[in-house]
Amino acid sequence: MSRPKIRQRTLDFGHWTWNGNVRMPRILSPAKSLIMNRQRLLAALLFASMALSFVGERNAESTRAATAIKKAIRVMTFNIHVGVGMDKKLDLQRIADVINRERPDLVGLQEVDRGVTRTEGKDEIAELAKLTRMDFSFAPNLDFQGGHYGVAILSRFLIQKADHQKYQNKRETERRGMLRVEVEVEGRKVNFVTTHLDYQFEDGRSFEAEQLLHLLEDVDGPVVVVGDFNDEPQGSAYKLMLTRFDDAWIRSKAKSEGLSYPADKPVKRIDYIFARTSDGIKMKRSWVVSTLASDHLPVMAELEIK
């Protein structure tokens, strides 16, 4: 009796064939093998590209988030007494050294001379800008001894716009005013203001503070106001400022009293930094800088703008 023929079944599994009970490798032609290798390579490259894109997007999001959180700036208010220290000597380098040591981003200055005889005709703000390598703006409130006397601002950011307004209080011999500049801090506009109020009459200070608040009513974006207000915390001008702004010294829970005048034995708190939490400004810390470069001590604050 003849043996029955066994039919061999061959199944195709890609690179392999099944012949009966034995799995045998299938030999592809060189052309097909090359095509499949290319397909594998393209698939691998596509996967890698997608993975890198995902990582890049996550990193970009993290960077944007960190930037949004960490717009921290240092601000200073400093009545420089036209550059004359407690030793009665004119020394702008000494003023610049104080600023450079504290590394503020924005500085509001009061009692600044420009071309005035008593300070040797110096352009004080231009010299300080050069010594600190900062941009500047000057606001002349009073013509005096052949030059100008007023307030000024130093900025590590490029000053994009400046607005100078004089107050209407004419009872005091020394005319007063405010200077506001606009700067861009990591893509966001910030307004920085410096002022110097009446030192003789409390009602004069209140009148000037009212005008200052009115001038800032329609200003867009975060606003920081610094200056020599010649008013202690129990005064009416200070209390008026608190109706629209927060005192950075109080908000940051500074430990000392914040006394800033006179520089050698300070007994008065009259130099302030104001900001608004409603503008998304967090007042992180505040401090007074010890120096005899002027008759006032500089006051500093570190602010975080969201």
Protein backbone atom coordinates (compact mmCIF):
# COMPACT_ATOMS: atom_id res chain seq x y z
CA MET A 1 0.00 0.00 0.00
CA SER A 2 1.45 3.33 -1.00
CA ARG A 3 1.94 6.04 1.63
CA PRO A 4 -0.39 9.02 1.35
CA LYS A 5 1.15 12.25 0.21
CA ILE A 6 1.42 14.91 2.89
CA ARG A 7 0.49 18.36 1.64
CA GLN A 8 2.95 20.99 2.77
CA ARG A 9 1.23 24.23 3.95
CA THR A 10 3.29 27.34 3.65
CA LEU A 11 2.18 30.46 5.54
CA ASP A 12 3.75 33.87 5.09
CA PHE A 13 4.65 35.83 8.25
CA GLY A 14 6.58 38.79 6.91
CA HIS A 15 10.23 37.83 7.02
CA TRP A 16 9.42 34.28 8.09
CA THR A 17 7.50 31.36 6.48
CA TRP A 18 5.85 28.41 8.18
CA ASN A 19 6.47 25.14 6.38
CA GLY A 20 4.66 22.36 8.19
CA ASN A 21 5.96 22.31 11.71
CA VAL A 22 9.14 24.19 10.93
CA ARG A 23 9.42 27.98 10.92
CA MET A 24 11.80 28.93 8.19
CA PRO A 25 13.32 32.35 7.48
CA ARG A 26 12.04 33.98 4.37
CA ILE A 27 14.65 35.51 2.15
CA LEU A 28 13.66 38.88 0.77
CA SER A 29 14.99 40.35 -2.39
CA PRO A 30 17.59 43.12 -1.95
CA ALA A 31 15.12 45.71 -3.29
CA LYS A 32 12.33 44.77 -0.84
CA SER A 33 14.81 44.63 2.04
CA LEU A 34 16.05 48.14 1.25
CA ILE A 35 12.48 49.50 1.10
CA MET A 36 11.60 48.01 4.46
CA ASN A 37 14.79 49.31 6.07
CA ARG A 38 13.98 52.77 4.79
CA GLN A 39 10.47 52.53 6.17
CA ARG A 40 11.87 51.53 9.57
CA LEU A 41 14.33 54.44 9.51
CA LEU A 42 11.62 56.94 8.57
CA ALA A 43 9.37 55.67 11.33
CA ALA A 44 12.21 55.96 13.87
CA LEU A 45 13.04 59.50 12.73
CA LEU A 46 9.39 60.52 12.91
CA PHE A 47 9.10 59.17 16.45
CA ALA A 48 12.29 60.94 17.54
CA SER A 49 11.09 64.21 16.01
CA MET A 50 7.76 63.98 17.82
CA ALA A 51 9.50 63.22 21.11
CA LEU A 52 11.87 66.19 20.75
CA SER A 53 8.98 68.46 19.82
CA PHE A 54 7.08 67.39 22.93
CA VAL A 55 10.11 67.97 25.17
CA GLY A 56 10.72 71.35 23.53
CA GLU A 57 7.14 72.44 24.12
CA ARG A 58 7.31 71.35 27.76
CA ASN A 59 10.59 73.23 28.24
CA ALA A 60 9.14 76.34 26.58
CA GLU A 61 6.09 76.17 28.84
CA SER A 62 8.32 75.81 31.90
CA THR A 63 10.42 78.79 30.80
CA ARG A 64 7.34 80.92 30.20
CA ALA A 65 5.94 79.95 33.58
CA ALA A 66 9.23 80.76 35.34
CA THR A 67 9.41 84.12 33.53
CA ALA A 68 5.83 84.93 34.51
CA ILE A 69 6.64 84.25 38.15
CA LYS A 70 10.10 85.76 38.45
CA LYS A 71 9.80 89.36 37.24
CA ALA A 72 11.61 90.53 40.36
CA ILE A 73 13.02 94.06 40.41
CA ARG A 74 14.85 96.17 42.96
CA VAL A 75 13.83 99.79 43.42
CA MET A 76 15.44 102.58 45.41
CA THR A 77 14.46 106.03 46.58
CA PHE A 78 17.38 108.31 47.41
CA ASN A 79 17.40 112.01 48.28
CA ILE A 80 21.01 112.74 47.32
CA HIS A 81 21.19 116.27 48.81
CA VAL A 82 22.74 117.45 45.50
CA GLY A 83 25.60 115.00 46.08
CA VAL A 84 26.74 116.58 49.36
CA GLY A 85 27.33 114.15 52.21
CA MET A 86 27.20 114.53 55.98
CA ASP A 87 30.82 115.70 55.80
CA LYS A 88 29.62 118.71 53.70
CA LYS A 89 31.64 117.50 50.71
CA LEU A 90 30.32 117.19 47.16
CA ASP A 91 31.10 113.66 45.95
CA LEU A 92 29.01 112.09 43.18
CA GLN A 93 31.26 109.05 43.02
CA ARG A 94 30.27 108.27 46.59
CA ILE A 95 26.58 108.44 45.62
CA ALA A 96 27.22 106.17 42.63
CA ASP A 97 29.09 103.68 44.82
CA VAL A 98 26.04 103.33 47.07
CA ILE A 99 23.80 102.70 44.06
CA ASN A 100 26.20 100.23 42.45
CA ARG A 101 26.61 98.30 45.67
CA GLU A 102 22.85 97.84 46.10
CA ARG A 103 22.26 97.01 42.40
CA PRO A 104 18.77 98.56 42.00
CA ASP A 105 16.96 98.33 38.66
CA LEU A 106 15.14 101.64 39.13
CA VAL A 107 16.21 104.60 41.27
CA GLY A 108 14.12 107.64 42.14
CA LEU A 109 16.36 110.58 43.03
CA GLN A 110 15.48 113.86 44.73
CA GLU A 111 17.45 117.11 45.11
CA VAL A 112 19.40 116.83 41.88
CA ASP A 113 21.32 119.76 40.36
CA ARG A 114 22.04 120.32 36.69
CA GLY A 115 24.39 123.15 35.75
CA VAL A 116 23.97 124.88 39.12
CA THR A 117 26.74 127.12 40.49
CA ARG A 118 26.68 125.69 44.04
CA THR A 119 27.58 122.22 42.69
CA GLU A 120 30.32 123.43 40.33
CA GLY A 121 27.99 123.49 37.33
CA LYS A 122 27.96 119.70 37.20
CA ASP A 123 25.32 117.80 35.23
CA GLU A 124 24.74 115.55 38.20
CA ILE A 125 22.27 113.13 36.66
CA ALA A 126 24.37 112.65 33.52
CA GLU A 127 27.44 111.93 35.66
CA LEU A 128 25.56 109.48 37.88
CA ALA A 129 24.14 107.73 34.82
CA LYS A 130 27.65 107.30 33.47
CA LEU A 131 29.04 106.06 36.79
CA THR A 132 26.22 103.54 37.24
CA ARG A 133 25.81 102.65 33.53
CA MET A 134 22.09 103.35 33.68
CA ASP A 135 19.61 105.23 31.50
CA PHE A 136 18.22 108.45 33.00
CA SER A 137 15.52 111.10 32.90
CA PHE A 138 15.55 114.49 34.63
CA ALA A 139 12.68 116.78 35.64
CA PRO A 140 13.59 120.42 36.42
CA ASN A 141 11.19 121.81 39.01
CA LEU A 142 13.10 125.00 39.74
CA ASP A 143 15.50 127.33 37.91
CA PHE A 144 18.38 128.01 40.28
CA GLN A 145 21.85 129.65 40.10
CA GLY A 146 22.12 129.45 36.33
CA GLY A 147 20.89 125.85 36.11
CA HIS A 148 18.09 123.54 37.13
CA TYR A 149 17.10 121.70 40.30
CA GLY A 150 14.63 118.83 40.52
CA VAL A 151 14.09 115.10 40.58
CA ALA A 152 15.48 112.34 38.37
CA ILE A 153 15.32 108.64 37.61
CA LEU A 154 18.03 106.10 36.84
CA SER A 155 17.00 102.88 35.09
CA ARG A 156 18.69 99.66 34.03
CA PHE A 157 15.89 99.32 31.50
CA LEU A 158 15.60 101.58 28.48
CA ILE A 159 13.30 104.48 29.31
CA GLN A 160 10.58 104.48 26.67
CA LYS A 161 8.58 107.50 27.80
CA ALA A 162 8.84 110.26 30.40
CA ASP A 163 6.18 112.56 31.85
CA HIS A 164 7.04 115.56 34.06
CA GLN A 165 4.36 117.51 35.91
CA LYS A 166 4.79 120.41 38.33
CA TYR A 167 2.46 120.75 41.29
CA GLN A 168 0.31 123.86 41.64
CA ASN A 169 1.45 124.59 45.20
CA LYS A 170 3.22 127.96 44.86
CA ARG A 171 3.23 129.02 48.53
CA GLU A 172 6.58 127.34 49.16
CA THR A 173 9.63 128.96 47.57
CA GLU A 174 10.88 125.62 46.25
CA ARG A 175 8.62 124.41 43.41
CA ARG A 176 7.80 120.70 43.49
CA GLY A 177 6.77 118.10 40.93
CA MET A 178 6.72 114.47 39.83
CA LEU A 179 8.49 112.49 37.15
CA ARG A 180 7.03 109.29 35.68
CA VAL A 181 8.83 107.00 33.26
CA GLU A 182 7.67 103.93 31.39
CA VAL A 183 10.00 100.94 31.09
CA GLU A 184 9.53 97.41 29.85
CA VAL A 185 10.30 94.61 32.30
CA GLU A 186 10.40 91.24 30.53
CA GLY A 187 7.67 92.23 28.11
CA ARG A 188 5.45 94.11 30.55
CA LYS A 189 5.15 97.89 30.84
CA VAL A 190 5.95 99.28 34.29
CA ASN A 191 5.48 102.89 35.42
CA PHE A 192 8.03 104.26 37.88
CA VAL A 193 7.45 107.61 39.60
CA THR A 194 9.63 109.80 41.79
CA THR A 195 8.54 112.89 43.70
CA HIS A 196 9.57 115.34 46.42
CA LEU A 197 6.90 117.04 48.53
CA ASP A 198 6.68 120.31 50.48
CA TYR A 199 8.83 120.22 53.63
CA GLN A 200 7.36 123.33 55.28
CA PHE A 201 3.58 122.92 55.40
CA GLU A 202 1.49 119.81 55.98
CA ASP A 203 -1.47 121.13 54.01
CA GLY A 204 0.95 121.84 51.16
CA ARG A 205 2.10 118.21 51.19
CA SER A 206 -1.49 117.01 51.19
CA PHE A 207 -2.34 119.29 48.26
CA GLU A 208 0.64 117.92 46.30
CA ALA A 209 -0.21 114.30 47.19
CA GLU A 210 -3.76 114.87 45.91
CA GLN A 211 -2.38 116.14 42.60
CA LEU A 212 0.02 113.22 42.36
CA LEU A 213 -2.80 110.69 42.81
CA HIS A 214 -4.94 112.53 40.25
CA LEU A 215 -2.09 112.49 37.70
CA LEU A 216 -1.75 108.72 38.13
CA GLU A 217 -5.47 107.89 37.94
CA ASP A 218 -5.53 106.91 34.26
CA VAL A 219 -2.06 105.40 34.00
CA ASP A 220 -2.15 101.86 32.59
CA GLY A 221 -0.04 99.03 33.94
CA PRO A 222 1.74 98.55 37.27
CA VAL A 223 2.73 101.78 39.04
CA VAL A 224 5.52 102.18 41.61
CA VAL A 225 5.87 105.53 43.39
CA VAL A 226 8.94 106.50 45.40
CA GLY A 227 10.19 109.68 46.95
CA ASP A 228 10.94 112.02 49.81
CA PHE A 229 7.43 112.85 51.04
CA ASN A 230 8.64 114.94 54.00
CA ASP A 231 5.75 113.33 55.87
CA GLU A 232 5.81 110.80 58.67
CA PRO A 233 3.32 107.88 58.85
CA GLN A 234 0.91 109.87 61.03
CA GLY A 235 0.83 112.70 58.45
CA SER A 236 -2.05 113.47 56.09
CA ALA A 237 -0.05 113.12 52.83
CA TYR A 238 1.11 109.63 53.82
CA LYS A 239 -2.41 108.58 54.78
CA LEU A 240 -3.72 109.95 51.49
CA MET A 241 -1.23 107.80 49.56
CA LEU A 242 -2.53 104.73 51.40
CA THR A 243 -5.99 105.28 49.90
CA ARG A 244 -4.61 104.21 46.50
CA PHE A 245 -1.29 102.48 47.20
CA ASP A 246 0.35 100.05 49.60
CA ASP A 247 3.42 100.96 51.62
CA ALA A 248 6.13 98.46 50.58
CA TRP A 249 7.74 98.71 54.02
CA ILE A 250 4.56 97.60 55.77
CA ARG A 251 3.52 95.06 53.13
CA SER A 252 6.91 93.34 53.14
CA LYS A 253 6.84 93.16 56.95
CA ALA A 254 10.22 94.84 57.35
CA LYS A 255 11.61 94.38 60.82
CA SER A 256 13.03 97.82 61.60
CA GLU A 257 11.21 101.18 61.71
CA GLY A 258 12.46 102.36 58.31
CA LEU A 259 13.94 105.60 59.65
CA SER A 260 15.82 107.49 56.93
CA TYR A 261 16.53 111.04 58.13
CA PRO A 262 18.99 112.41 59.13
CA ALA A 263 21.53 109.94 57.84
CA ASP A 264 23.90 110.05 60.80
CA LYS A 265 21.20 109.62 63.48
CA PRO A 266 17.90 108.83 61.75
CA VAL A 267 14.78 109.66 63.74
CA LYS A 268 12.21 110.22 60.97
CA ARG A 269 10.59 107.96 58.40
CA ILE A 270 9.88 110.24 55.42
CA ASP A 271 11.26 108.33 52.40
CA TYR A 272 8.83 105.79 50.94
CA ILE A 273 8.21 103.20 48.27
CA PHE A 274 4.56 102.68 47.29
CA ALA A 275 3.04 100.08 44.98
CA ARG A 276 -0.32 98.39 44.43
CA THR A 277 -1.07 94.74 45.06
CA SER A 278 -4.01 95.20 42.69
CA ASP A 279 -1.42 95.68 39.92
CA GLY A 280 -0.10 92.19 40.62
CA ILE A 281 2.90 93.51 42.57
CA LYS A 282 4.18 91.52 45.51
CA MET A 283 6.36 93.46 47.95
CA LYS A 284 8.87 90.85 49.05
CA ARG A 285 11.29 92.77 51.27
CA SER A 286 12.42 96.29 52.18
CA TRP A 287 15.48 97.74 53.84
CA VAL A 288 17.33 100.98 54.62
CA VAL A 289 20.87 101.41 53.31
CA SER A 290 23.47 102.71 55.73
CA THR A 291 25.60 105.52 54.26
CA LEU A 292 26.75 109.08 54.97
CA ALA A 293 26.93 110.02 51.27
CA SER A 294 23.84 112.24 51.71
CA ASP A 295 21.75 113.66 54.55
CA HIS A 296 19.09 110.99 53.76
CA LEU A 297 19.46 107.23 53.80
CA PRO A 298 18.37 105.37 50.67
CA VAL A 299 15.36 103.05 51.03
CA MET A 300 15.17 99.84 48.98
CA ALA A 301 12.46 97.32 48.11
CA GLU A 302 12.42 94.09 46.16
CA LEU A 303 9.23 93.74 44.17
CA GLU A 304 7.82 90.86 42.19
CA ILE A 305 5.62 91.74 39.23
CA LYS A 306 3.30 89.01 37.97
